[in-house]
N, C-alpha and C. Protein backbone atom coordinates (compact mmCIF):
# COMPACT_ATOMS: atom_id res chain seq x y z
N UNK A 1 82.19 69.41 251.83
CA UNK A 1 81.63 69.32 250.45
C UNK A 1 80.52 69.66 250.60
N UNK A 2 80.07 70.84 249.67
CA UNK A 2 78.66 71.54 249.90
C UNK A 2 78.25 70.89 248.79
N UNK A 3 77.02 71.15 248.75
CA UNK A 3 76.11 70.80 247.13
C UNK A 3 75.31 71.83 247.45
N UNK A 4 74.71 72.01 245.84
CA UNK A 4 73.67 73.32 245.64
C UNK A 4 72.54 72.27 245.26
N UNK A 5 71.38 72.50 245.93
CA UNK A 5 70.22 72.12 245.45
C UNK A 5 69.14 72.85 244.81
N UNK A 6 68.29 72.96 243.58
CA UNK A 6 67.08 73.98 243.78
C UNK A 6 66.17 72.82 242.92
N UNK A 7 64.96 73.56 242.34
CA UNK A 7 63.70 72.99 242.61
C UNK A 7 64.40 72.02 240.69
N UNK A 8 64.90 72.71 240.05
CA UNK A 8 65.53 71.83 238.63
C UNK A 8 66.33 70.93 238.86
N UNK A 9 67.44 70.67 239.44
CA UNK A 9 68.19 69.34 239.62
C UNK A 9 67.55 68.81 240.39
N UNK A 10 66.74 68.75 241.35
CA UNK A 10 66.13 67.96 242.68
C UNK A 10 65.16 67.20 241.78
N UNK A 11 64.09 67.69 240.75
CA UNK A 11 63.41 67.01 239.75
C UNK A 11 63.87 66.29 238.96
N UNK A 12 65.03 66.62 238.69
CA UNK A 12 65.68 65.93 237.27
C UNK A 12 66.24 64.59 238.19
N UNK A 13 66.91 65.10 239.35
CA UNK A 13 67.45 63.38 239.83
C UNK A 13 66.44 62.06 239.91
N UNK A 14 65.33 63.06 240.49
CA UNK A 14 64.23 62.40 241.26
C UNK A 14 63.25 61.40 239.61
N UNK A 15 63.56 61.99 238.97
CA UNK A 15 62.86 61.73 238.02
C UNK A 15 63.56 60.60 236.97
N UNK A 16 64.80 60.02 237.62
CA UNK A 16 65.62 58.92 237.07
C UNK A 16 65.83 57.82 238.40
N UNK A 17 64.71 58.34 239.59
CA UNK A 17 64.59 57.44 240.94
C UNK A 17 65.92 57.43 241.55
N UNK A 18 66.55 58.70 241.41
CA UNK A 18 67.78 58.47 242.49
C UNK A 18 67.46 59.59 243.78
N UNK A 19 67.48 59.43 244.82
CA UNK A 19 67.25 60.28 245.89
C UNK A 19 68.59 61.35 245.86
N UNK A 20 68.27 62.14 246.31
CA UNK A 20 69.61 63.58 246.57
C UNK A 20 70.69 62.99 247.46
N UNK A 21 70.47 62.58 248.63
CA UNK A 21 71.63 61.84 249.25
C UNK A 21 72.26 60.87 248.68
N UNK A 22 71.19 59.89 247.45
CA UNK A 22 72.30 59.04 246.79
C UNK A 22 73.37 59.48 245.81
N UNK A 23 73.07 60.80 245.62
CA UNK A 23 73.82 61.55 244.37
C UNK A 23 74.86 62.22 244.93
N UNK A 24 74.42 62.64 246.34
CA UNK A 24 75.39 63.21 247.23
C UNK A 24 76.86 61.80 247.77
N UNK A 25 76.47 60.96 247.89
CA UNK A 25 77.19 59.89 248.41
C UNK A 25 78.07 59.37 247.18
N UNK A 26 77.42 59.30 246.38
CA UNK A 26 78.08 58.94 244.97
C UNK A 26 79.83 59.57 244.94
N UNK A 27 79.13 60.50 244.85
CA UNK A 27 80.40 62.30 244.86
C UNK A 27 80.98 61.97 245.90
N UNK A 28 80.65 61.96 247.04
CA UNK A 28 81.82 62.19 247.90
C UNK A 28 82.78 60.99 248.47
N UNK A 29 82.18 59.49 247.70
CA UNK A 29 83.00 57.98 247.92
C UNK A 29 83.43 58.07 246.58
N UNK A 30 83.55 59.12 245.74
CA UNK A 30 84.17 58.86 244.58
C UNK A 30 85.79 58.17 244.61
N UNK A 31 86.19 56.94 243.83
CA UNK A 31 87.40 56.56 243.80
C UNK A 31 87.86 56.31 242.35
N UNK A 32 89.20 56.74 242.37
CA UNK A 32 89.97 56.28 240.98
C UNK A 32 89.56 55.53 240.18
N UNK A 33 88.79 55.49 238.97
CA UNK A 33 89.58 56.43 238.22
C UNK A 33 88.41 57.84 238.12
N UNK A 34 87.67 58.16 239.23
CA UNK A 34 86.18 58.83 239.26
C UNK A 34 87.04 59.68 240.11
N UNK A 35 86.52 61.11 239.98
CA UNK A 35 85.90 61.54 239.10
C UNK A 35 86.56 61.98 237.54
N UNK A 36 85.75 61.68 236.58
CA UNK A 36 86.29 61.94 235.33
C UNK A 36 86.04 63.30 234.51
N UNK A 37 86.82 63.76 233.97
CA UNK A 37 86.43 65.47 233.47
C UNK A 37 85.79 65.08 232.52
N UNK A 38 85.07 65.94 231.97
CA UNK A 38 84.29 65.85 230.91
C UNK A 38 83.86 67.14 230.29
N UNK A 39 83.62 67.11 228.75
CA UNK A 39 83.62 68.65 228.42
C UNK A 39 82.48 69.16 229.09
N UNK A 40 82.94 70.50 228.59
CA UNK A 40 81.73 71.85 229.55
C UNK A 40 82.10 71.79 230.98
N UNK A 41 83.13 71.51 231.01
CA UNK A 41 83.55 71.63 232.74
C UNK A 41 82.93 70.74 233.65
N UNK A 42 82.35 69.46 233.21
CA UNK A 42 81.23 68.47 233.76
C UNK A 42 82.41 67.42 234.52
N UNK A 43 81.77 66.67 235.22
CA UNK A 43 82.90 65.71 235.68
C UNK A 43 81.50 64.45 235.68
N UNK A 44 82.22 62.73 235.74
CA UNK A 44 81.06 62.35 235.68
C UNK A 44 82.07 61.13 237.16
N UNK A 45 80.91 60.51 237.67
CA UNK A 45 81.13 59.80 238.63
C UNK A 45 80.56 58.26 237.98
N UNK A 46 80.79 57.33 238.79
CA UNK A 46 79.96 55.81 238.78
C UNK A 46 80.37 55.30 240.35
N UNK A 47 79.40 54.92 241.09
CA UNK A 47 79.40 54.42 242.17
C UNK A 47 78.49 53.88 243.19
N UNK A 48 78.54 53.09 244.02
CA UNK A 48 77.71 52.16 244.71
C UNK A 48 76.99 53.08 246.04
N UNK A 49 75.92 53.05 246.11
CA UNK A 49 75.23 53.34 247.19
C UNK A 49 74.35 52.01 248.05
N UNK A 50 73.91 52.51 249.20
CA UNK A 50 73.56 51.16 250.12
C UNK A 50 72.15 50.84 249.54
N UNK A 51 72.64 49.28 249.87
CA UNK A 51 71.31 48.60 248.97
C UNK A 51 71.98 48.36 247.59
N UNK A 52 72.96 48.59 247.02
CA UNK A 52 73.53 48.05 246.18
C UNK A 52 73.60 48.28 245.00
N UNK A 53 72.67 49.66 244.74
CA UNK A 53 72.75 50.35 243.69
C UNK A 53 73.67 50.71 243.09
N UNK A 54 74.29 50.86 241.60
CA UNK A 54 75.39 51.48 241.02
C UNK A 54 74.58 52.59 240.19
N UNK A 55 75.23 54.05 240.78
CA UNK A 55 74.61 54.76 240.10
C UNK A 55 75.88 55.81 238.97
N UNK A 56 75.45 56.29 238.41
CA UNK A 56 75.86 57.55 237.38
C UNK A 56 76.02 59.15 237.86
N UNK A 57 76.55 59.90 238.21
CA UNK A 57 76.14 61.12 238.44
C UNK A 57 77.03 61.99 237.95
N UNK A 58 76.39 62.97 237.07
CA UNK A 58 77.08 64.68 236.56
C UNK A 58 77.01 65.42 237.01
N UNK A 59 78.27 66.20 237.62
CA UNK A 59 78.09 67.66 238.21
C UNK A 59 78.90 68.69 237.77
N UNK A 60 78.75 69.73 237.78
CA UNK A 60 79.77 71.02 238.05
C UNK A 60 80.39 71.18 239.49
N UNK A 61 81.36 72.05 239.53
CA UNK A 61 81.66 73.16 240.63
C UNK A 61 81.63 74.17 239.98
N UNK A 62 80.69 74.99 241.10
CA UNK A 62 80.40 76.48 240.76
C UNK A 62 82.00 77.18 241.53
N UNK A 63 81.55 78.38 241.13
CA UNK A 63 82.84 79.74 241.32
C UNK A 63 82.56 79.65 242.69
N UNK A 64 81.75 79.46 243.50
CA UNK A 64 82.19 79.34 244.99
C UNK A 64 82.45 77.68 245.80
N UNK A 65 82.90 77.12 244.76
CA UNK A 65 83.30 75.75 245.33
C UNK A 65 81.94 74.75 245.50
N UNK A 66 80.89 74.86 245.69
CA UNK A 66 79.78 73.70 245.58
C UNK A 66 79.34 73.09 244.42
N UNK A 67 79.26 71.84 244.64
CA UNK A 67 78.99 70.93 244.10
C UNK A 67 77.43 71.06 243.52
N UNK A 68 77.11 71.24 241.81
CA UNK A 68 75.81 71.17 241.47
C UNK A 68 75.42 69.90 240.69
N UNK A 69 74.60 68.90 241.00
CA UNK A 69 74.39 68.08 240.66
C UNK A 69 73.67 67.97 239.08
N UNK A 70 73.89 67.86 237.60
CA UNK A 70 72.88 68.20 236.71
C UNK A 70 72.25 67.05 236.52
N UNK A 71 72.92 65.78 236.78
CA UNK A 71 72.16 64.47 235.98
C UNK A 71 72.19 63.19 237.14
N UNK A 72 71.76 62.26 237.51
CA UNK A 72 71.99 60.93 237.96
C UNK A 72 71.12 59.98 237.96
N UNK A 73 71.42 59.10 237.19
CA UNK A 73 70.65 57.61 237.16
C UNK A 73 71.48 56.34 237.36
N UNK A 74 70.55 55.18 237.45
CA UNK A 74 70.92 53.85 237.74
C UNK A 74 71.95 53.50 236.52
N UNK A 75 73.04 52.92 236.67
CA UNK A 75 74.09 52.20 235.52
C UNK A 75 73.08 51.39 234.47
N UNK A 76 73.03 51.08 233.58
CA UNK A 76 72.67 49.95 232.66
C UNK A 76 73.34 48.68 233.18
N UNK A 77 72.60 47.32 232.80
CA UNK A 77 73.75 46.20 233.35
C UNK A 77 75.00 45.92 232.59
N UNK A 78 75.09 46.56 231.73
CA UNK A 78 76.52 46.50 230.79
C UNK A 78 77.25 47.75 231.55
N UNK A 79 76.75 48.44 231.76
CA UNK A 79 77.60 49.66 232.47
C UNK A 79 78.25 49.05 234.18
N UNK A 80 77.36 48.44 234.51
CA UNK A 80 77.17 47.57 235.84
C UNK A 80 78.87 46.83 235.44
N UNK A 81 78.35 45.74 235.06
CA UNK A 81 79.86 44.94 234.29
C UNK A 81 81.26 45.67 233.94
N UNK A 82 81.27 46.59 233.63
CA UNK A 82 82.27 47.45 233.13
C UNK A 82 82.56 48.05 234.46
N UNK A 83 81.85 48.82 235.43
CA UNK A 83 82.35 49.38 236.83
C UNK A 83 82.47 47.96 237.65
N UNK A 84 82.22 47.07 237.70
CA UNK A 84 82.56 45.94 238.70
C UNK A 84 84.01 44.95 238.46
N UNK A 85 84.36 45.56 236.92
CA UNK A 85 85.52 45.12 236.53
C UNK A 85 86.51 45.92 236.86
N UNK A 86 86.64 47.42 236.57
CA UNK A 86 87.14 48.50 237.08
C UNK A 86 87.39 48.03 238.57
N UNK A 87 86.47 48.29 239.33
CA UNK A 87 86.94 48.30 240.49
C UNK A 87 87.20 47.41 241.54
N UNK A 88 87.79 45.98 241.13
CA UNK A 88 87.58 44.74 241.90
C UNK A 88 89.52 45.10 242.42
């Protein structure tokens, strides 16, 4: 699984306090019911990373099959509760 990073998505992810390796780990570790297809050929994943943080990552798949992350952020407390119920 290859990822494509540029200045825009690197900065955008960091703005939300998420590191690149964390965002990639969430995508790599996706478990059902994720990734979820969204409109505009986007995919959404919720997942946990080392240290117990739970993140949301939104990405697209480029024509060359690389993954381009367009958004990543920590889940809200309400979202965390939903995630934990689903993943039991």
